[in-house]
Amino acid sequence: MKNKSIILLGIKHSGKSTQGELLANHIGCPFIDIDTVITEMTGKTPRELYNENGPAGFMEAEENACIQTAQKYKDSQVVIATGGGICENAPALEKLRQLGEFVFINVEENIAAGRILKKAERNEDGTWKNLPAYIAKENPKTEAEIRKLFHTFYEKRTETYRQIADITIDTKDKTKQENARFIAETLGF
């Protein structure tokens, strides 16, 4: 894996950005977060783009961010964290594929769901804010409903990412530094 770029894939809250930064520091190469590239290119966060322009508009912005990243780093080793839904954006994946290996960071379902709930906030009217769009659109009323919606999504996405990835790394409920060491060792760094 040395000298190839590492493209981290996984569901939202799997730790791609956190682990990507730690891995890039360990290797001594740049770290790129595609969500940050999208924001820099459009002036809007991925969530804002998705809410304002729908899935197609967001996917176009994501593809453009991947095109720019692939062009800029085609002759460099970098660690890239992708957005959680990139598995449904084949053109964006195709642009990144030319840079290196796809590494699926698989996190246990209960950990990812807990991270989603930690960021979610309940409004006075019983609705929730700061939920991923695929959950928010179902208008869940309870944490149990959020976990149930996430379960179906998690099962589907996990299988999709396993099929796309060159390497799957199952992280554990450990510190981010322990997981970073595990990922680096697994990748041969």
C-alpha atoms as a PDB file:
ATOM      1  CA  MET A   1       0.000   0.000   0.000  1.00  0.00           C
ATOM      2  CA  LYS A   2       3.026   2.286   0.318  1.00  0.00           C
ATOM      3  CA  ASN A   3       3.158   5.113  -2.232  1.00  0.00           C
ATOM      4  CA  LYS A   4      -0.527   4.711  -3.097  1.00  0.00           C
ATOM      5  CA  SER A   5      -3.177   7.057  -1.865  1.00  0.00           C
ATOM      6  CA  ILE A   6      -5.676   5.739   0.636  1.00  0.00           C
ATOM      7  CA  ILE A   7      -9.327   6.562   0.084  1.00  0.00           C
ATOM      8  CA  LEU A   8     -11.390   5.960   3.210  1.00  0.00           C
ATOM      9  CA  LEU A   9     -14.978   4.843   2.731  1.00  0.00           C
ATOM     10  CA  GLY A  10     -17.714   4.205   5.292  1.00  0.00           C
ATOM     11  CA  ILE A  11     -21.015   5.328   6.662  1.00  0.00           C
ATOM     12  CA  LYS A  12     -21.472   8.675   8.356  1.00  0.00           C
ATOM     13  CA  HIS A  13     -19.836   8.692  11.782  1.00  0.00           C
ATOM     14  CA  SER A  14     -17.586   5.735  11.056  1.00  0.00           C
ATOM     15  CA  GLY A  15     -14.524   7.824  11.865  1.00  0.00           C
ATOM     16  CA  LYS A  16     -13.208   8.446   8.349  1.00  0.00           C
ATOM     17  CA  SER A  17     -12.138  12.042   8.992  1.00  0.00           C
ATOM     18  CA  THR A  18     -10.685  11.407  12.425  1.00  0.00           C
ATOM     19  CA  GLN A  19      -8.842   8.278  11.342  1.00  0.00           C
ATOM     20  CA  GLY A  20      -7.820   9.903   8.057  1.00  0.00           C
ATOM     21  CA  GLU A  21      -6.093  12.787   9.807  1.00  0.00           C
ATOM     22  CA  LEU A  22      -4.292  10.453  12.200  1.00  0.00           C
ATOM     23  CA  LEU A  23      -3.242   8.133   9.377  1.00  0.00           C
ATOM     24  CA  ALA A  24      -1.990  11.003   7.202  1.00  0.00           C
ATOM     25  CA  ASN A  25       0.073  12.316  10.114  1.00  0.00           C
ATOM     26  CA  HIS A  26       1.475   8.826  10.696  1.00  0.00           C
ATOM     27  CA  ILE A  27       2.420   8.384   7.033  1.00  0.00           C
ATOM     28  CA  GLY A  28       3.555  11.982   6.583  1.00  0.00           C
ATOM     29  CA  CYS A  29       1.272  12.933   3.725  1.00  0.00           C
ATOM     30  CA  PRO A  30      -1.600  15.392   3.200  1.00  0.00           C
ATOM     31  CA  PHE A  31      -5.118  14.658   4.436  1.00  0.00           C
ATOM     32  CA  ILE A  32      -8.084  15.625   2.263  1.00  0.00           C
ATOM     33  CA  ASP A  33     -11.706  15.578   3.402  1.00  0.00           C
ATOM     34  CA  ILE A  34     -14.055  15.559   0.411  1.00  0.00           C
ATOM     35  CA  ASP A  35     -16.784  17.260   2.478  1.00  0.00           C
ATOM     36  CA  THR A  36     -14.367  20.134   3.140  1.00  0.00           C
ATOM     37  CA  VAL A  37     -13.504  20.332  -0.563  1.00  0.00           C
ATOM     38  CA  ILE A  38     -17.236  20.515  -1.372  1.00  0.00           C
ATOM     39  CA  THR A  39     -17.695  23.350   1.119  1.00  0.00           C
ATOM     40  CA  GLU A  40     -14.684  25.237  -0.234  1.00  0.00           C
ATOM     41  CA  MET A  41     -15.903  24.851  -3.824  1.00  0.00           C
ATOM     42  CA  THR A  42     -19.559  25.748  -3.229  1.00  0.00           C
ATOM     43  CA  GLY A  43     -19.587  27.854  -0.072  1.00  0.00           C
ATOM     44  CA  LYS A  44     -22.145  25.442   1.398  1.00  0.00           C
ATOM     45  CA  THR A  45     -21.892  22.403   3.626  1.00  0.00           C
ATOM     46  CA  PRO A  46     -22.866  19.036   2.185  1.00  0.00           C
ATOM     47  CA  ARG A  47     -26.018  19.065   4.345  1.00  0.00           C
ATOM     48  CA  GLU A  48     -26.992  22.522   3.025  1.00  0.00           C
ATOM     49  CA  LEU A  49     -26.397  21.405  -0.559  1.00  0.00           C
ATOM     50  CA  TYR A  50     -28.422  18.249  -0.068  1.00  0.00           C
ATOM     51  CA  ASN A  51     -31.307  20.135   1.548  1.00  0.00           C
ATOM     52  CA  GLU A  52     -31.312  22.920  -1.060  1.00  0.00           C
ATOM     53  CA  ASN A  53     -30.523  20.971  -4.245  1.00  0.00           C
ATOM     54  CA  GLY A  54     -31.623  17.427  -3.430  1.00  0.00           C
ATOM     55  CA  PRO A  55     -29.613  14.258  -3.944  1.00  0.00           C
ATOM     56  CA  ALA A  56     -28.760  14.972  -7.592  1.00  0.00           C
ATOM     57  CA  GLY A  57     -27.438  18.454  -6.866  1.00  0.00           C
ATOM     58  CA  PHE A  58     -25.368  17.202  -3.974  1.00  0.00           C
ATOM     59  CA  MET A  59     -23.961  14.288  -5.990  1.00  0.00           C
ATOM     60  CA  GLU A  60     -22.888  16.679  -8.740  1.00  0.00           C
ATOM     61  CA  ALA A  61     -21.008  18.809  -6.208  1.00  0.00           C
ATOM     62  CA  GLU A  62     -19.443  15.674  -4.719  1.00  0.00           C
ATOM     63  CA  GLU A  63     -18.306  14.493  -8.147  1.00  0.00           C
ATOM     64  CA  ASN A  64     -16.799  17.919  -8.895  1.00  0.00           C
ATOM     65  CA  ALA A  65     -14.915  17.815  -5.580  1.00  0.00           C
ATOM     66  CA  CYS A  66     -13.564  14.367  -6.468  1.00  0.00           C
ATOM     67  CA  ILE A  67     -12.518  15.542  -9.941  1.00  0.00           C
ATOM     68  CA  GLN A  68     -10.627  18.475  -8.433  1.00  0.00           C
ATOM     69  CA  THR A  69      -8.997  16.250  -5.801  1.00  0.00           C
ATOM     70  CA  ALA A  70      -7.978  13.612  -8.349  1.00  0.00           C
ATOM     71  CA  GLN A  71      -6.421  16.231 -10.611  1.00  0.00           C
ATOM     72  CA  LYS A  72      -4.602  18.000  -7.796  1.00  0.00           C
ATOM     73  CA  TYR A  73      -3.157  14.867  -6.176  1.00  0.00           C
ATOM     74  CA  LYS A  74      -2.684  12.511  -9.135  1.00  0.00           C
ATOM     75  CA  ASP A  75       1.083  12.351  -8.554  1.00  0.00           C
ATOM     76  CA  SER A  76       1.025  12.455  -4.747  1.00  0.00           C
ATOM     77  CA  GLN A  77       0.264  10.134  -1.880  1.00  0.00           C
ATOM     78  CA  VAL A  78      -2.645  11.425   0.181  1.00  0.00           C
ATOM     79  CA  VAL A  79      -5.237  10.114   2.598  1.00  0.00           C
ATOM     80  CA  ILE A  80      -8.784  11.010   1.561  1.00  0.00           C
ATOM     81  CA  ALA A  81     -11.945  10.818   3.669  1.00  0.00           C
ATOM     82  CA  THR A  82     -15.080  10.563   1.578  1.00  0.00           C
ATOM     83  CA  GLY A  83     -18.642  11.394   2.511  1.00  0.00           C
ATOM     84  CA  GLY A  84     -20.846   8.639   3.884  1.00  0.00           C
ATOM     85  CA  GLY A  85     -23.013   8.405   0.779  1.00  0.00           C
ATOM     86  CA  ILE A  86     -20.318   8.281  -1.874  1.00  0.00           C
ATOM     87  CA  CYS A  87     -21.078   4.590  -2.405  1.00  0.00           C
ATOM     88  CA  GLU A  88     -24.121   5.738  -4.384  1.00  0.00           C
ATOM     89  CA  ASN A  89     -22.111   8.122  -6.572  1.00  0.00           C
ATOM     90  CA  ALA A  90     -20.313   5.951  -9.125  1.00  0.00           C
ATOM     91  CA  PRO A  91     -18.850   8.875 -11.137  1.00  0.00           C
ATOM     92  CA  ALA A  92     -17.278  10.344  -7.976  1.00  0.00           C
ATOM     93  CA  LEU A  93     -15.848   6.960  -6.986  1.00  0.00           C
ATOM     94  CA  GLU A  94     -14.432   6.491 -10.476  1.00  0.00           C
ATOM     95  CA  LYS A  95     -12.483   9.757 -10.164  1.00  0.00           C
ATOM     96  CA  LEU A  96     -10.940   8.716  -6.847  1.00  0.00           C
ATOM     97  CA  ARG A  97     -10.259   5.117  -7.881  1.00  0.00           C
ATOM     98  CA  GLN A  98      -7.355   6.249 -10.067  1.00  0.00           C
ATOM     99  CA  LEU A  99      -5.516   7.602  -7.002  1.00  0.00           C
ATOM    100  CA  GLY A 100      -5.190   4.450  -4.925  1.00  0.00           C
ATOM    101  CA  GLU A 101      -6.903   1.895  -2.731  1.00  0.00           C
ATOM    102  CA  PHE A 102     -10.428   2.018  -1.327  1.00  0.00           C
ATOM    103  CA  VAL A 103     -10.381   1.210   2.390  1.00  0.00           C
ATOM    104  CA  PHE A 104     -13.728   0.600   4.096  1.00  0.00           C
ATOM    105  CA  ILE A 105     -13.687   1.703   7.732  1.00  0.00           C
ATOM    106  CA  ASN A 106     -16.402  -0.464   9.223  1.00  0.00           C
ATOM    107  CA  VAL A 107     -17.680   0.608  12.613  1.00  0.00           C
ATOM    108  CA  GLU A 108     -20.068  -1.411  14.738  1.00  0.00           C
ATOM    109  CA  GLU A 109     -23.692  -0.398  14.263  1.00  0.00           C
ATOM    110  CA  ASN A 110     -24.315   0.557  17.897  1.00  0.00           C
ATOM    111  CA  ILE A 111     -21.263   2.853  17.915  1.00  0.00           C
ATOM    112  CA  ALA A 112     -22.281   4.666  14.712  1.00  0.00           C
ATOM    113  CA  ALA A 113     -25.891   4.996  15.908  1.00  0.00           C
ATOM    114  CA  GLY A 114     -24.661   6.373  19.226  1.00  0.00           C
ATOM    115  CA  ARG A 115     -22.566   8.984  17.428  1.00  0.00           C
ATOM    116  CA  ILE A 116     -25.586  10.040  15.366  1.00  0.00           C
ATOM    117  CA  LEU A 117     -27.727  10.366  18.468  1.00  0.00           C
ATOM    118  CA  LYS A 118     -25.008  12.293  20.292  1.00  0.00           C
ATOM    119  CA  LYS A 119     -25.133  15.007  17.601  1.00  0.00           C
ATOM    120  CA  ALA A 120     -28.934  14.984  17.259  1.00  0.00           C
ATOM    121  CA  GLU A 121     -31.021  17.479  19.148  1.00  0.00           C
ATOM    122  CA  ARG A 122     -34.689  17.224  19.983  1.00  0.00           C
ATOM    123  CA  ASN A 123     -36.789  20.308  19.291  1.00  0.00           C
ATOM    124  CA  GLU A 124     -39.587  21.461  21.588  1.00  0.00           C
ATOM    125  CA  ASP A 125     -42.178  20.200  19.097  1.00  0.00           C
ATOM    126  CA  GLY A 126     -40.746  16.667  19.274  1.00  0.00           C
ATOM    127  CA  THR A 127     -38.951  16.775  15.945  1.00  0.00           C
ATOM    128  CA  TRP A 128     -35.209  16.241  15.656  1.00  0.00           C
ATOM    129  CA  LYS A 129     -32.450  18.319  14.101  1.00  0.00           C
ATOM    130  CA  ASN A 130     -28.904  17.389  13.080  1.00  0.00           C
ATOM    131  CA  LEU A 131     -29.940  13.942  11.882  1.00  0.00           C
ATOM    132  CA  PRO A 132     -28.637  12.540   8.594  1.00  0.00           C
ATOM    133  CA  ALA A 133     -31.063  13.371   5.782  1.00  0.00           C
ATOM    134  CA  TYR A 134     -32.064   9.747   5.177  1.00  0.00           C
ATOM    135  CA  ILE A 135     -33.273   9.518   8.794  1.00  0.00           C
ATOM    136  CA  ALA A 136     -34.674  13.046   9.107  1.00  0.00           C
ATOM    137  CA  LYS A 137     -36.946  12.610   6.084  1.00  0.00           C
ATOM    138  CA  GLU A 138     -38.771   9.808   7.929  1.00  0.00           C
ATOM    139  CA  ASN A 139     -39.559  12.220  10.804  1.00  0.00           C
ATOM    140  CA  PRO A 140     -38.755   9.846  13.685  1.00  0.00           C
ATOM    141  CA  LYS A 141     -40.251  10.648  17.075  1.00  0.00           C
ATOM    142  CA  THR A 142     -38.034   8.590  19.398  1.00  0.00           C
ATOM    143  CA  GLU A 143     -34.464   7.399  19.719  1.00  0.00           C
ATOM    144  CA  ALA A 144     -35.750   3.871  19.153  1.00  0.00           C
ATOM    145  CA  GLU A 145     -37.227   4.936  15.794  1.00  0.00           C
ATOM    146  CA  ILE A 146     -33.938   6.593  14.849  1.00  0.00           C
ATOM    147  CA  ARG A 147     -32.034   3.398  15.673  1.00  0.00           C
ATOM    148  CA  LYS A 148     -34.520   1.285  13.687  1.00  0.00           C
ATOM    149  CA  LEU A 149     -34.214   3.533  10.619  1.00  0.00           C
ATOM    150  CA  PHE A 150     -30.445   3.511  10.961  1.00  0.00           C
ATOM    151  CA  HIS A 151     -30.359  -0.293  11.211  1.00  0.00           C
ATOM    152  CA  THR A 152     -31.874  -0.813   7.760  1.00  0.00           C
ATOM    153  CA  PHE A 153     -29.598   1.814   6.286  1.00  0.00           C
ATOM    154  CA  TYR A 154     -26.515   0.400   8.055  1.00  0.00           C
ATOM    155  CA  GLU A 155     -27.130  -3.124   6.740  1.00  0.00           C
ATOM    156  CA  LYS A 156     -27.489  -1.925   3.147  1.00  0.00           C
ATOM    157  CA  ARG A 157     -24.547   0.481   3.173  1.00  0.00           C
ATOM    158  CA  THR A 158     -22.207  -1.948   4.930  1.00  0.00           C
ATOM    159  CA  GLU A 159     -22.790  -4.547   2.235  1.00  0.00           C
ATOM    160  CA  THR A 160     -22.311  -1.958  -0.528  1.00  0.00           C
ATOM    161  CA  TYR A 161     -19.047  -0.703   0.948  1.00  0.00           C
ATOM    162  CA  ARG A 162     -17.714  -4.237   1.392  1.00  0.00           C
ATOM    163  CA  GLN A 163     -18.278  -4.815  -2.336  1.00  0.00           C
ATOM    164  CA  ILE A 164     -16.569  -1.570  -3.393  1.00  0.00           C
ATOM    165  CA  ALA A 165     -13.589  -1.704  -1.039  1.00  0.00           C
ATOM    166  CA  ASP A 166     -10.187  -3.180  -1.760  1.00  0.00           C
ATOM    167  CA  ILE A 167      -9.656  -3.609   1.988  1.00  0.00           C
ATOM    168  CA  THR A 168     -12.136  -3.703   4.875  1.00  0.00           C
ATOM    169  CA  ILE A 169     -10.997  -2.727   8.350  1.00  0.00           C
ATOM    170  CA  ASP A 170     -13.332  -3.480  11.232  1.00  0.00           C
ATOM    171  CA  THR A 171     -12.630  -0.906  13.921  1.00  0.00           C
ATOM    172  CA  LYS A 172     -13.398  -1.641  17.524  1.00  0.00           C
ATOM    173  CA  ASP A 173     -14.750   0.314  20.457  1.00  0.00           C
ATOM    174  CA  LYS A 174     -11.301   1.654  21.310  1.00  0.00           C
ATOM    175  CA  THR A 175      -9.711   5.087  21.444  1.00  0.00           C
ATOM    176  CA  LYS A 176      -9.176   6.893  18.176  1.00  0.00           C
ATOM    177  CA  GLN A 177      -5.409   6.526  18.632  1.00  0.00           C
ATOM    178  CA  GLU A 178      -5.710   2.749  19.153  1.00  0.00           C
ATOM    179  CA  ASN A 179      -7.875   2.431  16.043  1.00  0.00           C
ATOM    180  CA  ALA A 180      -5.438   4.602  14.066  1.00  0.00           C
ATOM    181  CA  ARG A 181      -2.537   2.315  15.020  1.00  0.00           C
ATOM    182  CA  PHE A 182      -4.622  -0.725  14.063  1.00  0.00           C
ATOM    183  CA  ILE A 183      -5.490   0.790  10.663  1.00  0.00           C
ATOM    184  CA  ALA A 184      -1.882   1.798   9.966  1.00  0.00           C
ATOM    185  CA  GLU A 185      -0.621  -1.699  10.875  1.00  0.00           C
ATOM    186  CA  THR A 186      -3.315  -3.365   8.759  1.00  0.00           C
ATOM    187  CA  LEU A 187      -2.296  -1.215   5.777  1.00  0.00           C
ATOM    188  CA  GLY A 188       1.399  -1.944   6.306  1.00  0.00           C
ATOM    189  CA  PHE A 189       2.541   1.416   7.688  1.00  0.00           C
END
